[in-house]
Amino acid sequence: MGREKPNFREMLEWLTNEKKLDPLLDVKEVTAFLRVGRGFVKDRIDCGDIRTDKGGKIPIGALASYLLGNAN
């Protein structure tokens, strides 16, 4: 397992406390937050820029990584 990315904790705190996002998000919530279309988010998931759990939900940590440009 690699090291934590710079500003990751700060981004998680901002998403959780300031933006009031839940720990697990669906595609609809992410599209609304990012102000993009569903196809854009689906493409980011398909290419691995945004990861999902087995149920198709997007963990807030995956969104934080994407926003920081640190996709897995």
C-alpha atoms as a PDB file:
ATOM      1  CA  MET A   1       0.000   0.000   0.000  1.00  0.00           C
ATOM      2  CA  GLY A   2       1.357   3.404  -0.973  1.00  0.00           C
ATOM      3  CA  ARG A   3       1.725   6.543   1.020  1.00  0.00           C
ATOM      4  CA  GLU A   4      -1.157   8.917   1.553  1.00  0.00           C
ATOM      5  CA  LYS A   5      -1.401  11.590  -1.134  1.00  0.00           C
ATOM      6  CA  PRO A   6      -0.675  15.238  -0.244  1.00  0.00           C
ATOM      7  CA  ASN A   7      -3.767  17.106   1.004  1.00  0.00           C
ATOM      8  CA  PHE A   8      -5.863  13.922   1.058  1.00  0.00           C
ATOM      9  CA  ARG A   9      -7.030  14.326   4.653  1.00  0.00           C
ATOM     10  CA  GLU A  10      -7.842  17.983   4.096  1.00  0.00           C
ATOM     11  CA  MET A  11      -9.909  17.094   1.030  1.00  0.00           C
ATOM     12  CA  LEU A  12     -11.781  14.389   2.954  1.00  0.00           C
ATOM     13  CA  GLU A  13     -12.499  16.836   5.757  1.00  0.00           C
ATOM     14  CA  TRP A  14     -13.742  19.458   3.289  1.00  0.00           C
ATOM     15  CA  LEU A  15     -16.005  16.978   1.495  1.00  0.00           C
ATOM     16  CA  THR A  16     -17.391  15.637   4.756  1.00  0.00           C
ATOM     17  CA  ASN A  17     -17.709  18.762   6.908  1.00  0.00           C
ATOM     18  CA  GLU A  18     -18.128  21.610   4.433  1.00  0.00           C
ATOM     19  CA  LYS A  19     -19.981  19.879   1.603  1.00  0.00           C
ATOM     20  CA  LYS A  20     -21.808  17.428   3.895  1.00  0.00           C
ATOM     21  CA  LEU A  21     -21.311  14.437   1.595  1.00  0.00           C
ATOM     22  CA  ASP A  22     -22.036  10.908   2.765  1.00  0.00           C
ATOM     23  CA  PRO A  23     -19.237   8.319   3.017  1.00  0.00           C
ATOM     24  CA  LEU A  24     -20.706   6.398   0.051  1.00  0.00           C
ATOM     25  CA  LEU A  25     -22.144   8.194  -2.965  1.00  0.00           C
ATOM     26  CA  ASP A  26     -24.064   7.039  -6.003  1.00  0.00           C
ATOM     27  CA  VAL A  27     -23.352   8.232  -9.526  1.00  0.00           C
ATOM     28  CA  LYS A  28     -26.233  10.719  -9.394  1.00  0.00           C
ATOM     29  CA  GLU A  29     -24.786  12.412  -6.290  1.00  0.00           C
ATOM     30  CA  VAL A  30     -21.322  12.633  -7.847  1.00  0.00           C
ATOM     31  CA  THR A  31     -22.680  14.080 -11.099  1.00  0.00           C
ATOM     32  CA  ALA A  32     -24.550  16.738  -9.118  1.00  0.00           C
ATOM     33  CA  PHE A  33     -21.497  17.552  -7.002  1.00  0.00           C
ATOM     34  CA  LEU A  34     -19.123  17.760  -9.981  1.00  0.00           C
ATOM     35  CA  ARG A  35     -21.759  19.438 -12.182  1.00  0.00           C
ATOM     36  CA  VAL A  36     -21.106  17.065 -15.044  1.00  0.00           C
ATOM     37  CA  GLY A  37     -23.180  14.547 -16.961  1.00  0.00           C
ATOM     38  CA  ARG A  38     -23.759  10.960 -15.964  1.00  0.00           C
ATOM     39  CA  GLY A  39     -21.755   9.769 -18.991  1.00  0.00           C
ATOM     40  CA  PHE A  40     -18.697  11.691 -17.814  1.00  0.00           C
ATOM     41  CA  VAL A  41     -18.754  10.033 -14.394  1.00  0.00           C
ATOM     42  CA  LYS A  42     -19.395   6.603 -15.925  1.00  0.00           C
ATOM     43  CA  ASP A  43     -16.406   7.129 -18.257  1.00  0.00           C
ATOM     44  CA  ARG A  44     -14.198   8.104 -15.287  1.00  0.00           C
ATOM     45  CA  ILE A  45     -15.318   4.928 -13.490  1.00  0.00           C
ATOM     46  CA  ASP A  46     -14.735   2.742 -16.563  1.00  0.00           C
ATOM     47  CA  CYS A  47     -11.203   4.063 -17.091  1.00  0.00           C
ATOM     48  CA  GLY A  48     -10.352   3.713 -13.379  1.00  0.00           C
ATOM     49  CA  ASP A  49     -10.080   7.383 -12.460  1.00  0.00           C
ATOM     50  CA  ILE A  50     -12.919   6.975  -9.957  1.00  0.00           C
ATOM     51  CA  ARG A  51     -13.221   3.642  -8.191  1.00  0.00           C
ATOM     52  CA  THR A  52     -16.409   2.086  -6.868  1.00  0.00           C
ATOM     53  CA  ASP A  53     -17.168  -0.554  -4.289  1.00  0.00           C
ATOM     54  CA  LYS A  54     -18.747  -3.907  -5.185  1.00  0.00           C
ATOM     55  CA  GLY A  55     -22.223  -2.386  -4.972  1.00  0.00           C
ATOM     56  CA  GLY A  56     -21.407   0.385  -7.434  1.00  0.00           C
ATOM     57  CA  LYS A  57     -21.189   3.107  -4.786  1.00  0.00           C
ATOM     58  CA  ILE A  58     -18.370   5.649  -4.869  1.00  0.00           C
ATOM     59  CA  PRO A  59     -16.469   5.975  -1.568  1.00  0.00           C
ATOM     60  CA  ILE A  60     -15.813   9.565  -0.568  1.00  0.00           C
ATOM     61  CA  GLY A  61     -12.082   8.738  -0.498  1.00  0.00           C
ATOM     62  CA  ALA A  62     -12.230   7.806  -4.193  1.00  0.00           C
ATOM     63  CA  LEU A  63     -13.861  11.156  -4.955  1.00  0.00           C
ATOM     64  CA  ALA A  64     -11.192  12.946  -2.905  1.00  0.00           C
ATOM     65  CA  SER A  65      -8.437  11.147  -4.831  1.00  0.00           C
ATOM     66  CA  TYR A  66     -10.046  12.056  -8.143  1.00  0.00           C
ATOM     67  CA  LEU A  67     -10.375  15.712  -7.163  1.00  0.00           C
ATOM     68  CA  LEU A  68      -6.730  15.795  -6.143  1.00  0.00           C
ATOM     69  CA  GLY A  69      -5.683  14.224  -9.421  1.00  0.00           C
ATOM     70  CA  ASN A  70      -4.446  11.128  -7.642  1.00  0.00           C
ATOM     71  CA  ALA A  71      -6.651   8.451  -9.153  1.00  0.00           C
ATOM     72  CA  ASN A  72      -5.631   4.890  -8.334  1.00  0.00           C
END
